[in-house]
PDB file of N, CA and C in Angstrom:
ATOM      1  N   MET A   1      25.399  18.925 -34.020  1.00  0.00           N
ATOM      2  CA  MET A   1      25.366  17.616 -33.417  1.00  0.00           C
ATOM      3  C   MET A   1      23.925  17.286 -33.049  1.00  0.00           C
ATOM      4  N   LYS A   2      23.454  16.157 -33.520  1.00  0.00           N
ATOM      5  CA  LYS A   2      22.083  15.738 -33.250  1.00  0.00           C
ATOM      6  C   LYS A   2      22.113  14.577 -32.261  1.00  0.00           C
ATOM      7  N   ASN A   3      21.349  14.713 -31.198  1.00  0.00           N
ATOM      8  CA  ASN A   3      21.233  13.656 -30.202  1.00  0.00           C
ATOM      9  C   ASN A   3      19.762  13.418 -29.931  1.00  0.00           C
ATOM     10  N   GLU A   4      19.357  12.179 -30.044  1.00  0.00           N
ATOM     11  CA  GLU A   4      17.970  11.823 -29.779  1.00  0.00           C
ATOM     12  C   GLU A   4      17.886  11.155 -28.413  1.00  0.00           C
ATOM     13  N   VAL A   5      16.932  11.611 -27.605  1.00  0.00           N
ATOM     14  CA  VAL A   5      16.725  11.030 -26.282  1.00  0.00           C
ATOM     15  C   VAL A   5      15.256  10.652 -26.140  1.00  0.00           C
ATOM     16  N   THR A   6      14.969   9.818 -25.158  1.00  0.00           N
ATOM     17  CA  THR A   6      13.606   9.366 -24.898  1.00  0.00           C
ATOM     18  C   THR A   6      13.190   9.811 -23.511  1.00  0.00           C
ATOM     19  N   VAL A   7      11.964  10.280 -23.391  1.00  0.00           N
ATOM     20  CA  VAL A   7      11.411  10.661 -22.093  1.00  0.00           C
ATOM     21  C   VAL A   7      10.720   9.428 -21.517  1.00  0.00           C
ATOM     22  N   THR A   8      11.079   9.069 -20.275  1.00  0.00           N
ATOM     23  CA  THR A   8      10.466   7.903 -19.633  1.00  0.00           C
ATOM     24  C   THR A   8       9.084   8.267 -19.094  1.00  0.00           C
ATOM     25  N   SER A   9       8.367   7.261 -18.624  1.00  0.00           N
ATOM     26  CA  SER A   9       7.034   7.497 -18.052  1.00  0.00           C
ATOM     27  C   SER A   9       7.105   8.372 -16.805  1.00  0.00           C
ATOM     28  N   ARG A  10       8.278   8.441 -16.174  1.00  0.00           N
ATOM     29  CA  ARG A  10       8.463   9.286 -14.991  1.00  0.00           C
ATOM     30  C   ARG A  10       9.009  10.674 -15.366  1.00  0.00           C
ATOM     31  N   GLY A  11       9.120  10.946 -16.667  1.00  0.00           N
ATOM     32  CA  GLY A  11       9.573  12.258 -17.113  1.00  0.00           C
ATOM     33  C   GLY A  11      11.081  12.410 -17.150  1.00  0.00           C
ATOM     34  N   MET A  12      11.815  11.320 -17.027  1.00  0.00           N
ATOM     35  CA  MET A  12      13.279  11.400 -17.025  1.00  0.00           C
ATOM     36  C   MET A  12      13.837  11.308 -18.437  1.00  0.00           C
ATOM     37  N   VAL A  13      14.950  12.031 -18.636  1.00  0.00           N
ATOM     38  CA  VAL A  13      15.650  12.028 -19.909  1.00  0.00           C
ATOM     39  C   VAL A  13      17.103  11.683 -19.617  1.00  0.00           C
ATOM     40  N   THR A  14      17.680  10.784 -20.402  1.00  0.00           N
ATOM     41  CA  THR A  14      19.096  10.460 -20.247  1.00  0.00           C
ATOM     42  C   THR A  14      19.885  11.275 -21.257  1.00  0.00           C
ATOM     43  N   ILE A  15      20.836  12.058 -20.754  1.00  0.00           N
ATOM     44  CA  ILE A  15      21.697  12.859 -21.624  1.00  0.00           C
ATOM     45  C   ILE A  15      22.802  11.939 -22.137  1.00  0.00           C
ATOM     46  N   PRO A  16      23.039  11.922 -23.446  1.00  0.00           N
ATOM     47  CA  PRO A  16      24.062  11.040 -24.002  1.00  0.00           C
ATOM     48  C   PRO A  16      25.435  11.247 -23.347  1.00  0.00           C
ATOM     49  N   SER A  17      26.166  10.153 -23.221  1.00  0.00           N
ATOM     50  CA  SER A  17      27.461  10.137 -22.541  1.00  0.00           C
ATOM     51  C   SER A  17      28.435  11.182 -23.095  1.00  0.00           C
ATOM     52  N   LYS A  18      28.520  11.298 -24.415  1.00  0.00           N
ATOM     53  CA  LYS A  18      29.459  12.262 -25.019  1.00  0.00           C
ATOM     54  C   LYS A  18      29.144  13.689 -24.574  1.00  0.00           C
ATOM     55  N   LEU A  19      27.851  14.027 -24.506  1.00  0.00           N
ATOM     56  CA  LEU A  19      27.462  15.371 -24.069  1.00  0.00           C
ATOM     57  C   LEU A  19      27.754  15.577 -22.584  1.00  0.00           C
ATOM     58  N   ARG A  20      27.488  14.539 -21.771  1.00  0.00           N
ATOM     59  CA  ARG A  20      27.777  14.654 -20.332  1.00  0.00           C
ATOM     60  C   ARG A  20      29.260  14.910 -20.106  1.00  0.00           C
ATOM     61  N   LYS A  21      30.106  14.201 -20.834  1.00  0.00           N
ATOM     62  CA  LYS A  21      31.558  14.393 -20.692  1.00  0.00           C
ATOM     63  C   LYS A  21      31.962  15.783 -21.172  1.00  0.00           C
ATOM     64  N   LYS A  22      31.437  16.191 -22.318  1.00  0.00           N
ATOM     65  CA  LYS A  22      31.776  17.498 -22.893  1.00  0.00           C
ATOM     66  C   LYS A  22      31.382  18.638 -21.955  1.00  0.00           C
ATOM     67  N   LEU A  23      30.216  18.506 -21.298  1.00  0.00           N
ATOM     68  CA  LEU A  23      29.707  19.552 -20.410  1.00  0.00           C
ATOM     69  C   LEU A  23      30.095  19.329 -18.951  1.00  0.00           C
ATOM     70  N   ASN A  24      30.894  18.285 -18.704  1.00  0.00           N
ATOM     71  CA  ASN A  24      31.351  17.953 -17.350  1.00  0.00           C
ATOM     72  C   ASN A  24      30.174  17.733 -16.391  1.00  0.00           C
ATOM     73  N   LEU A  25      29.145  17.052 -16.875  1.00  0.00           N
ATOM     74  CA  LEU A  25      27.984  16.732 -16.045  1.00  0.00           C
ATOM     75  C   LEU A  25      28.242  15.405 -15.347  1.00  0.00           C
ATOM     76  N   LYS A  26      28.079  15.408 -14.043  1.00  0.00           N
ATOM     77  CA  LYS A  26      28.323  14.211 -13.242  1.00  0.00           C
ATOM     78  C   LYS A  26      27.045  13.830 -12.513  1.00  0.00           C
ATOM     79  N   ASP A  27      27.074  12.685 -11.855  1.00  0.00           N
ATOM     80  CA  ASP A  27      25.936  12.248 -11.059  1.00  0.00           C
ATOM     81  C   ASP A  27      25.601  13.335 -10.042  1.00  0.00           C
ATOM     82  N   GLY A  28      24.377  13.791 -10.035  1.00  0.00           N
ATOM     83  CA  GLY A  28      23.959  14.840  -9.104  1.00  0.00           C
ATOM     84  C   GLY A  28      24.052  16.245  -9.673  1.00  0.00           C
ATOM     85  N   SER A  29      24.625  16.410 -10.877  1.00  0.00           N
ATOM     86  CA  SER A  29      24.682  17.740 -11.493  1.00  0.00           C
ATOM     87  C   SER A  29      23.265  18.265 -11.676  1.00  0.00           C
ATOM     88  N   LYS A  30      23.115  19.571 -11.525  1.00  0.00           N
ATOM     89  CA  LYS A  30      21.790  20.182 -11.670  1.00  0.00           C
ATOM     90  C   LYS A  30      21.742  21.016 -12.942  1.00  0.00           C
ATOM     91  N   LEU A  31      20.559  21.035 -13.541  1.00  0.00           N
ATOM     92  CA  LEU A  31      20.328  21.795 -14.762  1.00  0.00           C
ATOM     93  C   LEU A  31      19.087  22.650 -14.586  1.00  0.00           C
ATOM     94  N   ILE A  32      19.091  23.800 -15.219  1.00  0.00           N
ATOM     95  CA  ILE A  32      17.884  24.619 -15.313  1.00  0.00           C
ATOM     96  C   ILE A  32      17.221  24.228 -16.628  1.00  0.00           C
ATOM     97  N   VAL A  33      15.923  24.012 -16.600  1.00  0.00           N
ATOM     98  CA  VAL A  33      15.184  23.676 -17.814  1.00  0.00           C
ATOM     99  C   VAL A  33      14.275  24.853 -18.134  1.00  0.00           C
ATOM    100  N   LYS A  34      14.473  25.429 -19.328  1.00  0.00           N
ATOM    101  CA  LYS A  34      13.666  26.573 -19.745  1.00  0.00           C
ATOM    102  C   LYS A  34      12.934  26.222 -21.029  1.00  0.00           C
ATOM    103  N   GLU A  35      11.719  26.715 -21.101  1.00  0.00           N
ATOM    104  CA  GLU A  35      10.960  26.555 -22.338  1.00  0.00           C
ATOM    105  C   GLU A  35      11.471  27.595 -23.325  1.00  0.00           C
ATOM    106  N   HIS A  36      11.723  27.171 -24.542  1.00  0.00           N
ATOM    107  CA  HIS A  36      12.242  28.039 -25.590  1.00  0.00           C
ATOM    108  C   HIS A  36      11.334  27.882 -26.804  1.00  0.00           C
ATOM    109  N   LYS A  37      11.328  28.861 -27.681  1.00  0.00           N
ATOM    110  CA  LYS A  37      10.433  28.777 -28.841  1.00  0.00           C
ATOM    111  C   LYS A  37      10.717  27.547 -29.712  1.00  0.00           C
ATOM    112  N   LEU A  38      11.937  27.017 -29.651  1.00  0.00           N
ATOM    113  CA  LEU A  38      12.284  25.827 -30.425  1.00  0.00           C
ATOM    114  C   LEU A  38      12.132  24.532 -29.637  1.00  0.00           C
ATOM    115  N   GLY A  39      11.849  24.630 -28.341  1.00  0.00           N
ATOM    116  CA  GLY A  39      11.714  23.427 -27.512  1.00  0.00           C
ATOM    117  C   GLY A  39      12.187  23.688 -26.100  1.00  0.00           C
ATOM    118  N   LEU A  40      12.916  22.735 -25.535  1.00  0.00           N
ATOM    119  CA  LEU A  40      13.442  22.875 -24.180  1.00  0.00           C
ATOM    120  C   LEU A  40      14.924  23.200 -24.223  1.00  0.00           C
ATOM    121  N   LEU A  41      15.344  24.038 -23.301  1.00  0.00           N
ATOM    122  CA  LEU A  41      16.741  24.428 -23.189  1.00  0.00           C
ATOM    123  C   LEU A  41      17.236  23.972 -21.824  1.00  0.00           C
ATOM    124  N   TYR A  42      18.283  23.172 -21.807  1.00  0.00           N
ATOM    125  CA  TYR A  42      18.878  22.683 -20.562  1.00  0.00           C
ATOM    126  C   TYR A  42      20.160  23.461 -20.305  1.00  0.00           C
ATOM    127  N   ILE A  43      20.239  24.131 -19.144  1.00  0.00           N
ATOM    128  CA  ILE A  43      21.396  24.956 -18.806  1.00  0.00           C
ATOM    129  C   ILE A  43      22.036  24.403 -17.539  1.00  0.00           C
ATOM    130  N   PRO A  44      23.301  23.951 -17.626  1.00  0.00           N
ATOM    131  CA  PRO A  44      23.965  23.434 -16.425  1.00  0.00           C
ATOM    132  C   PRO A  44      24.135  24.532 -15.377  1.00  0.00           C
ATOM    133  N   ILE A  45      23.890  24.173 -14.112  1.00  0.00           N
ATOM    134  CA  ILE A  45      24.152  25.082 -13.001  1.00  0.00           C
ATOM    135  C   ILE A  45      25.587  24.815 -12.572  1.00  0.00           C
ATOM    136  N   ILE A  46      26.434  25.821 -12.680  1.00  0.00           N
ATOM    137  CA  ILE A  46      27.857  25.654 -12.392  1.00  0.00           C
ATOM    138  C   ILE A  46      28.123  25.933 -10.924  1.00  0.00           C
ATOM    139  N   ASP A  47      28.826  25.013 -10.278  1.00  0.00           N
ATOM    140  CA  ASP A  47      29.187  25.139  -8.871  1.00  0.00           C
ATOM    141  C   ASP A  47      30.381  26.086  -8.737  1.00  0.00           C
ATOM    142  N   LEU A  48      30.386  26.914  -7.702  1.00  0.00           N
ATOM    143  CA  LEU A  48      31.505  27.827  -7.465  1.00  0.00           C
ATOM    144  C   LEU A  48      32.832  27.091  -7.386  1.00  0.00           C
ATOM    145  N   GLU A  49      32.845  25.915  -6.779  1.00  0.00           N
ATOM    146  CA  GLU A  49      34.082  25.150  -6.658  1.00  0.00           C
ATOM    147  C   GLU A  49      34.638  24.795  -8.029  1.00  0.00           C
ATOM    148  N   ASP A  50      33.762  24.521  -8.982  1.00  0.00           N
ATOM    149  CA  ASP A  50      34.216  24.199 -10.329  1.00  0.00           C
ATOM    150  C   ASP A  50      34.829  25.416 -11.012  1.00  0.00           C
ATOM    151  N   LEU A  51      34.333  26.603 -10.685  1.00  0.00           N
ATOM    152  CA  LEU A  51      34.854  27.819 -11.302  1.00  0.00           C
ATOM    153  C   LEU A  51      36.140  28.311 -10.662  1.00  0.00           C
ATOM    154  N   PHE A  52      36.192  28.273  -9.333  1.00  0.00           N
ATOM    155  CA  PHE A  52      37.285  28.918  -8.626  1.00  0.00           C
ATOM    156  C   PHE A  52      38.157  27.983  -7.803  1.00  0.00           C
ATOM    157  N   GLY A  53      37.878  26.695  -7.810  1.00  0.00           N
ATOM    158  CA  GLY A  53      38.708  25.758  -7.071  1.00  0.00           C
ATOM    159  C   GLY A  53      38.156  25.433  -5.699  1.00  0.00           C
ATOM    160  N   VAL A  54      38.927  24.662  -4.968  1.00  0.00           N
ATOM    161  CA  VAL A  54      38.510  24.124  -3.673  1.00  0.00           C
ATOM    162  C   VAL A  54      38.201  25.216  -2.659  1.00  0.00           C
ATOM    163  N   ASP A  55      38.957  26.307  -2.653  1.00  0.00           N
ATOM    164  CA  ASP A  55      38.783  27.362  -1.657  1.00  0.00           C
ATOM    165  C   ASP A  55      37.585  28.255  -1.935  1.00  0.00           C
ATOM    166  N   SER A  56      36.922  28.062  -3.059  1.00  0.00           N
ATOM    167  CA  SER A  56      35.849  28.976  -3.447  1.00  0.00           C
ATOM    168  C   SER A  56      34.702  28.994  -2.454  1.00  0.00           C
ATOM    169  N   LYS A  57      34.384  27.844  -1.862  1.00  0.00           N
ATOM    170  CA  LYS A  57      33.258  27.791  -0.933  1.00  0.00           C
ATOM    171  C   LYS A  57      33.537  28.691   0.270  1.00  0.00           C
ATOM    172  N   GLU A  58      34.732  28.578   0.850  1.00  0.00           N
ATOM    173  CA  GLU A  58      35.086  29.416   2.001  1.00  0.00           C
ATOM    174  C   GLU A  58      35.144  30.882   1.578  1.00  0.00           C
ATOM    175  N   LEU A  59      35.667  31.146   0.386  1.00  0.00           N
ATOM    176  CA  LEU A  59      35.709  32.517  -0.127  1.00  0.00           C
ATOM    177  C   LEU A  59      34.294  33.064  -0.264  1.00  0.00           C
ATOM    178  N   GLY A  60      33.379  32.251  -0.769  1.00  0.00           N
ATOM    179  CA  GLY A  60      31.983  32.666  -0.899  1.00  0.00           C
ATOM    180  C   GLY A  60      31.362  32.975   0.446  1.00  0.00           C
ATOM    181  N   TYR A  61      31.624  32.106   1.442  1.00  0.00           N
ATOM    182  CA  TYR A  61      31.093  32.342   2.786  1.00  0.00           C
ATOM    183  C   TYR A  61      31.677  33.622   3.378  1.00  0.00           C
ATOM    184  N   GLU A  62      32.958  33.860   3.150  1.00  0.00           N
ATOM    185  CA  GLU A  62      33.606  35.071   3.665  1.00  0.00           C
ATOM    186  C   GLU A  62      32.979  36.313   3.032  1.00  0.00           C
ATOM    187  N   MET A  63      32.713  36.259   1.735  1.00  0.00           N
ATOM    188  CA  MET A  63      32.084  37.396   1.058  1.00  0.00           C
ATOM    189  C   MET A  63      30.693  37.658   1.627  1.00  0.00           C
ATOM    190  N   ILE A  64      29.943  36.599   1.883  1.00  0.00           N
ATOM    191  CA  ILE A  64      28.602  36.754   2.454  1.00  0.00           C
ATOM    192  C   ILE A  64      28.688  37.353   3.850  1.00  0.00           C
ATOM    193  N   ARG A  65      29.644  36.876   4.665  1.00  0.00           N
ATOM    194  CA  ARG A  65      29.820  37.438   6.012  1.00  0.00           C
ATOM    195  C   ARG A  65      30.144  38.931   5.940  1.00  0.00           C
ATOM    196  N   GLU A  66      31.014  39.313   5.009  1.00  0.00           N
ATOM    197  CA  GLU A  66      31.367  40.726   4.856  1.00  0.00           C
ATOM    198  C   GLU A  66      30.150  41.550   4.438  1.00  0.00           C
ATOM    199  N   LEU A  67      29.353  41.027   3.527  1.00  0.00           N
ATOM    200  CA  LEU A  67      28.148  41.746   3.103  1.00  0.00           C
ATOM    201  C   LEU A  67      27.174  41.925   4.263  1.00  0.00           C
ATOM    202  N   HIS A  68      27.003  40.867   5.063  1.00  0.00           N
ATOM    203  CA  HIS A  68      26.123  40.966   6.237  1.00  0.00           C
ATOM    204  C   HIS A  68      26.651  42.006   7.224  1.00  0.00           C
ATOM    205  N   GLU A  69      27.948  42.011   7.447  1.00  0.00           N
ATOM    206  CA  GLU A  69      28.553  42.967   8.379  1.00  0.00           C
ATOM    207  C   GLU A  69      28.388  44.398   7.859  1.00  0.00           C
ATOM    208  N   ASP A  70      28.624  44.601   6.560  1.00  0.00           N
ATOM    209  CA  ASP A  70      28.443  45.933   5.971  1.00  0.00           C
ATOM    210  C   ASP A  70      26.996  46.397   6.121  1.00  0.00           C
ATOM    211  N   ARG A  71      26.063  45.503   5.856  1.00  0.00           N
ATOM    212  CA  ARG A  71      24.645  45.866   5.971  1.00  0.00           C
ATOM    213  C   ARG A  71      24.280  46.186   7.416  1.00  0.00           C
ATOM    214  N   ARG A  72      24.831  45.409   8.371  1.00  0.00           N
ATOM    215  CA  ARG A  72      24.574  45.661   9.790  1.00  0.00           C
ATOM    216  C   ARG A  72      25.069  47.053  10.169  1.00  0.00           C
ATOM    217  N   LYS A  73      26.259  47.427   9.709  1.00  0.00           N
ATOM    218  CA  LYS A  73      26.815  48.755   9.999  1.00  0.00           C
ATOM    219  C   LYS A  73      25.943  49.854   9.388  1.00  0.00           C
ATOM    220  N   GLU A  74      25.465  49.623   8.167  1.00  0.00           N
ATOM    221  CA  GLU A  74      24.593  50.606   7.516  1.00  0.00           C
ATOM    222  C   GLU A  74      23.309  50.811   8.309  1.00  0.00           C
ATOM    223  N   ARG A  75      22.723  49.724   8.808  1.00  0.00           N
ATOM    224  CA  ARG A  75      21.494  49.841   9.603  1.00  0.00           C
ATOM    225  C   ARG A  75      21.751  50.620  10.883  1.00  0.00           C
ATOM    226  N   ILE A  76      22.890  50.382  11.526  1.00  0.00           N
ATOM    227  CA  ILE A  76      23.236  51.117  12.751  1.00  0.00           C
ATOM    228  C   ILE A  76      23.368  52.600  12.439  1.00  0.00           C
ATOM    229  N   GLU A  77      24.063  52.928  11.337  1.00  0.00           N
ATOM    230  CA  GLU A  77      24.237  54.328  10.947  1.00  0.00           C
ATOM    231  C   GLU A  77      22.889  54.979  10.639  1.00  0.00           C
ATOM    232  N   GLU A  78      22.012  54.264   9.951  1.00  0.00           N
ATOM    233  CA  GLU A  78      20.687  54.798   9.631  1.00  0.00           C
ATOM    234  C   GLU A  78      19.885  55.050  10.902  1.00  0.00           C
ATOM    235  N   THR A  79      19.984  54.147  11.852  1.00  0.00           N
ATOM    236  CA  THR A  79      19.270  54.287  13.124  1.00  0.00           C
ATOM    237  C   THR A  79      19.801  55.481  13.908  1.00  0.00           C
ATOM    238  N   GLU A  80      21.114  55.684  13.897  1.00  0.00           N
ATOM    239  CA  GLU A  80      21.725  56.793  14.635  1.00  0.00           C
ATOM    240  C   GLU A  80      21.355  58.143  14.030  1.00  0.00           C
ATOM    241  N   LYS A  81      21.119  58.199  12.722  1.00  0.00           N
ATOM    242  CA  LYS A  81      20.751  59.449  12.060  1.00  0.00           C
ATOM    243  C   LYS A  81      19.346  59.896  12.453  1.00  0.00           C
ATOM    244  N   LYS A  82      18.490  58.968  12.831  1.00  0.00           N
ATOM    245  CA  LYS A  82      17.098  59.300  13.167  1.00  0.00           C
ATOM    246  C   LYS A  82      17.018  59.886  14.504  1.00  0.00           C
TER     247      LYS A  82
END
């Protein structure tokens, strides 16, 4: 599939509508832009909510809290060993 786009004077590129729909890109979607030997590579940044549903954000926060708690316990144990 060949898609031609134009870079504006402000450096903006409009992604064709068919590609935006296919990749589920919406207003505010973020992309990583990497230089590649063939040109530029645009990689969509996928939101956890899109992968795991509405509860994913709270699940992510819970996982982070557990990791912080585990690390806190490890530091206490390391301190007690000294």
